[in-house]
Each structure stands twice: as structure tokens, then as C-alpha cells.
Amino acid sequence: MARTAVLGAGAMGTACAWLAAQRHDAEVTLWARNPDHAATIGQTRRNDRLLPQVKLPPEVLVTADAGAALAHAEVVLVCVPMRGLRQASQLLQSAVPRSAILVSTIKGIENETLHRPSSLLRQFFPQQPIVVLGGPCHAEELVQRMPTTIVAASDDRAAAECIQQRLATEFLRIYANTDLLGVELGGALKNVIAIAAGICDGLGFGDNARAAVITRGLNEMVRFGMALGAEPATFFGLAGIGDLVATCTSGHSRNRHVGEQLGRGRSLRQIEQSMQAVAEGVLTTRSVQQMAMQRQIEMPIVDQVCAVLFEGKSSLEAAMDLMNRPLKAESSAVSG
């Protein structure tokens, strides 16, 4: 039987374990770092705190034992938050089979090093092929078998196509992609723009404002991606505009929720204390702004989101500062 290991028992990890188990020839393990969390899911077959919509089939082994989770795994889905990826990689490094394909569902950029998920994983797993999943994919909808379409990106085309074939179902369509950099940047950047869209909603602005943030946010994503060497076309696909629209408009979006609450006047500390899951865009904002400053990339929306999150600027003042920037022509898809 083909064995798939899933690392991280959050909402996406739980959904991925359920997804992998849809294949009749699959053997699936789900690793949770917290033994109590693993035991609870193993007994109830549900992740009541983060993804109560689905019951895991009995074939899924849930464990806090890394060795048991990873033994003989052919595919390893990495679904831990970006902030915990380095520590998890250190912990699991010796247990991951060298022949396994690593598949990242993580959307963020590490603050201290500015590593993307794949570049950080490459430090610990230099021999394994790495595939990145991107695109609009809310775990809550996936486990309800709602039609979902994503991309599997890798520098190793064969690895991307392998994951494409292995995870695709009648309700999950997967496209192969070779622009790993662009797919990862799209996944990280759209979370920052989603915070801005949420701020607009929290302030009571309408559809006009949200549409403008999405459009001008895409402009910043393309400009940033091109400066780092990504393919512009990637940002007009599922991992770019597709994921951006879903994250900026969905009630499932944690990043949009953070922005909405900021727009309503709550502090970041209050918001994060009230949330069960991690909003990756909060820390990613710092990383993106730092990278943009290093390369002199104009990112006005990112700058204002950073000011609201970390510098005490009011949401309304940030919105007005964006609206009152010097007027210019919309001369190209990457204009500032």
C-alpha cells in the first residue's frame, strides 16, 4: 500500500489526512506534536477544535510518535504553521525517509531568515524532491467535497506530476506547475492583502473598496514576484488571483478576519487571543515589507497593513493615506 504521512494536526493537516485516505490503496498517518491532541483525535476521529466538519476514517493512524508516523512514507505532507516549521523540521529530520516526496501546504515567509517554506525545508532535507501546493483551498470546503482546484508546483516536474496524480479526486482538480517560487510567493502575499481587505470590511466600506484592494493588491504581488524572479503569469492563475480572491472574500479566511477585527477597532493582541488557529499573514507582513525595502519595491498596501499591525496606526488613517497618495496613470499591470 502507498503510505502518506501528514505532519501537523491543524485544520489543513486534518483535511489532508482525510483527503489522502480517499484512495483505497492508501495508508495514512497523521502526526500531532501534542500527545493529548493526537490521542483525542485518535479516539473521537474528529478535530473538534479546528475542523469539526469531518470525521477521519478508521484507516488514518493518528499519533504523536514521529517514527511511527513517518516510517516507510512515500509522500510527506507538511502542514505545520510557518512559525513552527523550523522546529518541526529539526525534530523530524532523522525520521523522514530519504526517498519521500515532501509536499508543503504552508503559506508564509519566516521572519528572521526570510526563508520560504521550501527553502527552509531544503536546509533540513537536501535530497528530497519538494512540491508546494497553492491556490484557493479552504479546508472547511474541501472536506465537504466541494469542487476545489489547486496547483502542485516543483522544480522537479516528475514530483509535481506524481502529487498531482496521487491527490486528485473527483472534487479536487490539481494542475502541475514548475514555478515553485511564484506559487509560494503568491500564497504568502495574498494573506497580507486579505488583511487589508478585511480592514475595509471592518471599517464598513463597500464592494468598491474591497475590489480595489484585491486589484491593487494583485499589482503589488506581481511586482514583488517579478523582482524576486517569479513568473508573472503565475500570479494570474490559481496560486495568485485565485487564492487572493478566495482569501479576501471568504468567511473561512483567518487573515481577512484579523483585518476585519482591526477595522472594527480591536487590537491585534485581542484578536489573536480570541482565535483558535494561526493567521499566517500577520507575521508574513513583516517579512514581505523587509524584503520589499531591501529591493526598493513599492508596496503601499503592505506598508499600511504593517503600520496598522505593528506601529499603532489606525485602520481609517491607513485607508485614507492609501486613497490620498499622489495621482498617477494606471499604465501597466505592475505600476506602483
Protein backbone atom coordinates (compact mmCIF):
# COMPACT_ATOMS: atom_id res chain seq x y z
CA MET A 1 0.00 0.00 0.00
CA ALA A 2 1.11 3.58 -0.70
CA ARG A 3 1.86 5.35 2.57
CA THR A 4 1.25 9.06 3.11
CA ALA A 5 2.30 10.87 6.28
CA VAL A 6 0.73 14.19 7.25
CA LEU A 7 2.66 16.43 9.64
CA GLY A 8 0.53 18.81 11.68
CA ALA A 9 -2.98 18.22 13.00
CA GLY A 10 -4.44 21.65 12.39
CA ALA A 11 -7.36 22.26 10.05
CA MET A 12 -5.36 21.76 6.85
CA GLY A 13 -3.42 18.79 8.21
CA THR A 14 -6.65 17.09 9.25
CA ALA A 15 -8.18 17.82 5.85
CA CYS A 16 -5.11 16.46 4.05
CA ALA A 17 -5.18 13.24 6.08
CA TRP A 18 -8.84 12.80 5.21
CA LEU A 19 -8.09 13.57 1.55
CA ALA A 20 -5.20 11.11 1.32
CA ALA A 21 -7.41 8.40 2.81
CA GLN A 22 -9.93 8.75 -0.04
CA ARG A 23 -7.72 6.48 -2.14
CA HIS A 24 -8.50 2.84 -1.49
CA ASP A 25 -4.84 1.84 -1.78
CA ALA A 26 -3.64 4.47 0.71
CA GLU A 27 -2.19 4.03 4.17
CA VAL A 28 -2.29 7.36 6.02
CA THR A 29 -0.73 8.63 9.23
CA LEU A 30 -1.43 11.98 10.89
CA TRP A 31 1.24 13.33 13.23
CA ALA A 32 0.33 15.78 16.00
CA ARG A 33 3.12 17.15 18.15
CA ASN A 34 0.89 17.31 21.24
CA PRO A 35 0.24 13.77 22.53
CA ASP A 36 -3.08 14.78 24.12
CA HIS A 37 -4.27 16.30 20.86
CA ALA A 38 -3.24 13.17 18.97
CA ALA A 39 -4.98 10.93 21.49
CA THR A 40 -8.21 12.93 21.35
CA ILE A 41 -8.37 12.89 17.56
CA GLY A 42 -7.44 9.23 17.50
CA GLN A 43 -10.27 8.35 19.87
CA THR A 44 -13.01 10.64 18.53
CA ARG A 45 -11.82 10.66 14.90
CA ARG A 46 -12.57 14.38 14.87
CA ASN A 47 -10.62 17.60 15.24
CA ASP A 48 -13.41 19.34 17.12
CA ARG A 49 -11.37 22.48 17.80
CA LEU A 50 -10.20 23.26 14.28
CA LEU A 51 -12.16 21.18 11.75
CA PRO A 52 -15.30 19.64 13.25
CA GLN A 53 -16.91 19.20 9.81
CA VAL A 54 -15.21 15.89 9.07
CA LYS A 55 -14.74 12.50 10.69
CA LEU A 56 -11.47 10.75 9.90
CA PRO A 57 -11.84 7.22 8.57
CA PRO A 58 -10.52 4.43 10.80
CA GLU A 59 -7.68 3.77 8.35
CA VAL A 60 -5.94 7.01 9.41
CA LEU A 61 -3.42 6.40 12.21
CA VAL A 62 -3.17 9.45 14.48
CA THR A 63 -0.02 9.58 16.56
CA ALA A 64 2.47 11.85 18.33
CA ASP A 65 5.23 9.34 17.60
CA ALA A 66 7.27 10.75 14.71
CA GLY A 67 8.92 7.44 13.95
CA ALA A 68 5.59 5.64 13.68
CA ALA A 69 4.09 8.43 11.58
CA LEU A 70 6.92 8.63 9.07
CA ALA A 71 8.10 5.03 8.75
CA HIS A 72 8.06 3.93 5.09
CA ALA A 73 6.23 7.09 3.98
CA GLU A 74 6.42 7.75 0.24
CA VAL A 75 4.78 11.17 0.48
CA VAL A 76 5.05 13.56 3.45
CA LEU A 77 2.55 16.41 3.57
CA VAL A 78 3.92 19.23 5.72
CA CYS A 79 1.02 21.19 7.21
CA VAL A 80 2.54 22.94 10.25
CA PRO A 81 2.38 26.76 10.63
CA MET A 82 5.32 28.70 9.19
CA ARG A 83 6.38 29.83 12.65
CA GLY A 84 6.75 26.21 13.75
CA LEU A 85 8.31 24.79 10.59
CA ARG A 86 11.96 25.14 11.61
CA GLN A 87 11.44 23.46 14.97
CA ALA A 88 9.35 20.68 13.44
CA SER A 89 11.98 20.09 10.74
CA GLN A 90 14.69 19.79 13.36
CA LEU A 91 12.58 17.37 15.37
CA LEU A 92 11.59 15.18 12.42
CA GLN A 93 14.71 15.38 10.26
CA SER A 94 16.05 11.94 11.08
CA ALA A 95 12.67 10.24 10.76
CA VAL A 96 11.74 11.35 7.22
CA PRO A 97 12.62 8.65 4.65
CA ARG A 98 15.16 9.91 2.12
CA SER A 99 13.08 8.64 -0.77
CA ALA A 100 9.93 10.51 0.28
CA ILE A 101 8.49 13.46 -1.64
CA LEU A 102 7.91 16.43 0.68
CA VAL A 103 4.73 18.40 0.00
CA SER A 104 4.28 21.81 1.63
CA THR A 105 0.86 23.38 2.18
CA ILE A 106 2.43 26.27 4.15
CA LYS A 107 1.84 29.88 3.11
CA GLY A 108 4.27 32.29 4.74
CA ILE A 109 7.81 33.66 4.98
CA GLU A 110 9.99 33.20 8.06
CA ASN A 111 10.68 36.50 9.83
CA GLU A 112 14.27 36.06 10.95
CA THR A 113 15.74 34.48 7.82
CA LEU A 114 13.16 35.41 5.15
CA HIS A 115 13.07 31.77 4.10
CA ARG A 116 10.10 30.49 2.15
CA PRO A 117 8.76 27.07 3.27
CA SER A 118 10.57 25.18 0.50
CA SER A 119 13.90 26.92 1.06
CA LEU A 120 13.71 26.21 4.78
CA LEU A 121 12.79 22.58 4.15
CA ARG A 122 15.70 22.32 1.73
CA GLN A 123 18.10 23.10 4.58
CA PHE A 124 16.96 20.05 6.51
CA PHE A 125 16.03 17.73 3.65
CA PRO A 126 18.51 18.44 0.83
CA GLN A 127 17.93 15.18 -1.03
CA GLN A 128 14.14 15.01 -1.19
CA PRO A 129 12.02 16.42 -4.00
CA ILE A 130 9.85 19.27 -2.70
CA VAL A 131 6.39 20.10 -4.02
CA VAL A 132 4.34 23.14 -2.99
CA LEU A 133 0.54 23.18 -3.08
CA GLY A 134 -1.08 26.54 -3.80
CA GLY A 135 -4.39 28.02 -4.80
CA PRO A 136 -7.83 28.58 -3.23
CA CYS A 137 -8.37 25.67 -0.86
CA HIS A 138 -10.26 26.18 2.38
CA ALA A 139 -10.10 23.00 4.46
CA GLU A 140 -13.71 23.51 5.53
CA GLU A 141 -14.91 23.23 1.92
CA LEU A 142 -12.51 20.51 0.84
CA VAL A 143 -13.79 18.02 3.44
CA GLN A 144 -17.35 18.70 2.29
CA ARG A 145 -16.31 17.58 -1.20
CA MET A 146 -16.98 21.00 -2.67
CA PRO A 147 -15.23 21.48 -6.05
CA THR A 148 -11.70 22.80 -5.46
CA THR A 149 -8.85 23.47 -7.87
CA ILE A 150 -5.20 23.98 -6.88
CA VAL A 151 -1.67 23.72 -8.29
CA ALA A 152 1.23 21.42 -7.37
CA ALA A 153 4.49 23.25 -8.07
CA SER A 154 8.03 21.91 -8.05
CA ASP A 155 11.41 22.33 -9.69
CA ASP A 156 11.10 18.58 -10.22
CA ARG A 157 8.33 18.16 -12.80
CA ALA A 158 8.06 14.41 -12.16
CA ALA A 159 7.48 15.03 -8.44
CA ALA A 160 4.78 17.63 -9.17
CA GLU A 161 3.03 15.26 -11.56
CA CYS A 162 3.28 12.43 -9.03
CA ILE A 163 1.48 14.50 -6.39
CA GLN A 164 -1.00 15.69 -8.98
CA GLN A 165 -1.96 12.09 -9.71
CA ARG A 166 -1.81 10.95 -6.10
CA LEU A 167 -4.06 13.59 -4.51
CA ALA A 168 -6.51 14.50 -7.27
CA THR A 169 -10.10 13.29 -6.81
CA GLU A 170 -13.44 13.90 -8.49
CA PHE A 171 -13.82 17.04 -6.34
CA LEU A 172 -10.16 18.18 -6.24
CA ARG A 173 -8.55 19.12 -9.54
CA ILE A 174 -4.79 19.71 -9.50
CA TYR A 175 -2.65 21.43 -12.12
CA ALA A 176 1.11 20.84 -12.30
CA ASN A 177 3.35 23.92 -12.25
CA THR A 178 7.11 24.46 -12.40
CA ASP A 179 7.19 27.99 -10.89
CA LEU A 180 7.67 26.93 -7.28
CA LEU A 181 8.89 30.41 -6.32
CA GLY A 182 5.86 32.16 -7.76
CA VAL A 183 3.39 29.76 -6.18
CA GLU A 184 4.98 30.18 -2.74
CA LEU A 185 5.13 33.97 -3.02
CA GLY A 186 1.51 34.09 -4.15
CA GLY A 187 0.44 32.06 -1.13
CA ALA A 188 2.34 34.31 1.26
CA LEU A 189 1.45 37.68 -0.25
CA LYS A 190 -2.27 37.07 -0.65
CA ASN A 191 -2.61 36.70 3.12
CA VAL A 192 -1.25 40.22 3.64
CA ILE A 193 -3.64 41.65 1.07
CA ALA A 194 -6.50 39.73 2.72
CA ILE A 195 -5.81 41.58 5.97
CA ALA A 196 -6.18 44.84 4.05
CA ALA A 197 -9.45 43.64 2.50
CA GLY A 198 -10.71 42.68 5.95
CA ILE A 199 -9.83 46.12 7.28
CA CYS A 200 -12.02 47.64 4.56
CA ASP A 201 -14.90 45.38 5.60
CA GLY A 202 -14.39 46.18 9.26
CA LEU A 203 -14.47 49.90 8.52
CA GLY A 204 -17.79 49.45 6.77
CA PHE A 205 -16.52 50.20 3.28
CA GLY A 206 -18.32 48.56 0.39
CA ASP A 207 -17.68 46.35 -2.61
CA ASN A 208 -15.84 49.15 -4.42
CA ALA A 209 -13.14 49.33 -1.77
CA ARG A 210 -12.73 45.57 -1.50
CA ALA A 211 -12.43 45.20 -5.27
CA ALA A 212 -9.83 47.97 -5.37
CA VAL A 213 -7.75 46.30 -2.65
CA ILE A 214 -7.86 42.97 -4.48
CA THR A 215 -6.89 44.57 -7.79
CA ARG A 216 -4.15 46.83 -6.49
CA GLY A 217 -3.02 44.06 -4.15
CA LEU A 218 -2.54 41.79 -7.14
CA ASN A 219 -0.46 44.57 -8.69
CA GLU A 220 1.84 44.52 -5.66
CA MET A 221 2.06 40.74 -5.74
CA VAL A 222 3.11 40.71 -9.39
CA ARG A 223 5.65 43.49 -8.87
CA PHE A 224 7.15 41.74 -5.84
CA GLY A 225 7.23 38.36 -7.56
CA MET A 226 8.90 39.67 -10.69
CA ALA A 227 11.58 41.39 -8.62
CA LEU A 228 12.41 38.05 -6.99
CA GLY A 229 12.42 36.12 -10.25
CA ALA A 230 8.96 34.52 -10.31
CA GLU A 231 6.94 34.18 -13.48
CA PRO A 232 4.30 36.95 -13.81
CA ALA A 233 1.77 34.50 -15.29
CA THR A 234 1.71 32.55 -12.02
CA PHE A 235 0.04 35.47 -10.25
CA PHE A 236 -2.79 35.47 -12.78
CA GLY A 237 -3.51 31.81 -12.06
CA LEU A 238 -4.86 29.77 -9.17
CA ALA A 239 -1.92 30.45 -6.83
CA GLY A 240 -2.24 34.20 -7.43
CA ILE A 241 -5.57 35.82 -8.25
CA GLY A 242 -7.47 32.61 -7.44
CA ASP A 243 -6.17 32.32 -3.91
CA LEU A 244 -6.27 36.10 -3.46
CA VAL A 245 -9.98 36.39 -4.26
CA ALA A 246 -10.89 33.46 -2.02
CA THR A 247 -8.87 34.75 0.92
CA CYS A 248 -10.07 38.34 0.60
CA THR A 249 -13.77 37.46 0.42
CA SER A 250 -14.36 34.25 2.37
CA GLY A 251 -15.79 33.90 5.83
CA HIS A 252 -13.38 30.99 6.29
CA SER A 253 -10.35 33.29 5.90
CA ARG A 254 -8.45 33.84 9.13
CA ASN A 255 -6.43 36.67 7.61
CA ARG A 256 -9.48 38.52 6.41
CA HIS A 257 -10.97 38.02 9.90
CA VAL A 258 -7.92 39.65 11.50
CA GLY A 259 -8.27 42.65 9.20
CA GLU A 260 -11.99 42.94 9.80
CA GLN A 261 -11.50 42.99 13.56
CA LEU A 262 -8.72 45.57 13.23
CA GLY A 263 -11.09 47.72 11.19
CA ARG A 264 -13.62 47.48 14.00
CA GLY A 265 -11.08 48.83 16.45
CA ARG A 266 -9.83 45.73 18.24
CA SER A 267 -6.11 45.35 18.95
CA LEU A 268 -4.01 42.64 17.34
CA ARG A 269 -3.38 41.10 20.75
CA GLN A 270 -7.11 40.85 21.47
CA ILE A 271 -7.78 39.33 18.07
CA GLU A 272 -5.06 36.69 18.27
CA GLN A 273 -6.06 35.69 21.80
CA SER A 274 -9.61 35.04 20.58
CA MET A 275 -8.55 32.85 17.63
CA GLN A 276 -8.08 29.10 17.68
CA ALA A 277 -5.88 28.98 14.58
CA VAL A 278 -2.94 30.95 13.20
CA ALA A 279 -3.37 33.81 10.71
CA GLU A 280 -0.14 33.45 8.74
CA GLY A 281 -0.43 36.88 7.14
CA VAL A 282 0.34 38.73 10.38
CA LEU A 283 3.97 37.67 10.63
CA THR A 284 4.33 37.43 6.86
CA THR A 285 3.62 41.16 6.61
CA ARG A 286 6.87 41.94 8.41
CA SER A 287 8.86 39.63 6.15
CA VAL A 288 7.36 40.99 2.94
CA GLN A 289 7.93 44.60 3.96
CA GLN A 290 11.55 43.86 4.87
CA MET A 291 12.18 42.12 1.56
CA ALA A 292 10.49 44.94 -0.36
CA MET A 293 12.60 47.57 1.40
CA GLN A 294 15.80 45.66 0.66
CA ARG A 295 14.93 45.58 -3.03
CA GLN A 296 13.25 49.01 -3.19
CA ILE A 297 9.94 47.53 -4.33
CA GLU A 298 6.99 49.88 -3.91
CA MET A 299 4.34 48.12 -1.78
CA PRO A 300 1.91 50.76 -0.43
CA ILE A 301 -0.78 48.33 0.75
CA VAL A 302 1.75 46.12 2.52
CA ASP A 303 3.28 49.21 4.17
CA GLN A 304 -0.08 50.36 5.52
CA VAL A 305 -1.02 46.89 6.79
CA CYS A 306 2.32 46.73 8.60
CA ALA A 307 1.70 50.14 10.16
CA VAL A 308 -1.71 49.05 11.45
CA LEU A 309 -0.47 45.70 12.77
CA PHE A 310 2.74 46.80 14.44
CA GLU A 311 3.01 50.59 14.63
CA GLY A 312 -0.27 51.59 16.24
CA LYS A 313 -1.68 53.32 13.17
CA SER A 314 -5.47 53.43 12.98
CA SER A 315 -7.18 51.48 10.22
CA LEU A 316 -9.04 54.53 8.99
CA GLU A 317 -5.88 56.63 8.80
CA ALA A 318 -4.16 53.86 6.82
CA ALA A 319 -7.06 53.67 4.38
CA MET A 320 -7.13 57.43 3.90
CA ASP A 321 -3.37 57.54 3.34
CA LEU A 322 -3.75 54.99 0.55
CA MET A 323 -6.58 56.95 -1.03
CA ASN A 324 -4.68 60.25 -0.92
CA ARG A 325 -1.42 59.12 -2.46
CA PRO A 326 -0.29 61.20 -5.47
CA LEU A 327 -2.46 60.51 -8.52
CA LYS A 328 -0.93 58.60 -11.43
CA ALA A 329 -1.81 56.71 -14.58
CA GLU A 330 -2.69 53.03 -14.48
CA SER A 331 -0.17 52.43 -17.20
CA SER A 332 0.68 48.76 -16.66
CA ALA A 333 -0.13 45.69 -14.61
CA VAL A 334 2.81 46.38 -12.34
CA SER A 335 2.53 50.15 -11.83
CA GLY A 336 3.01 51.49 -8.30
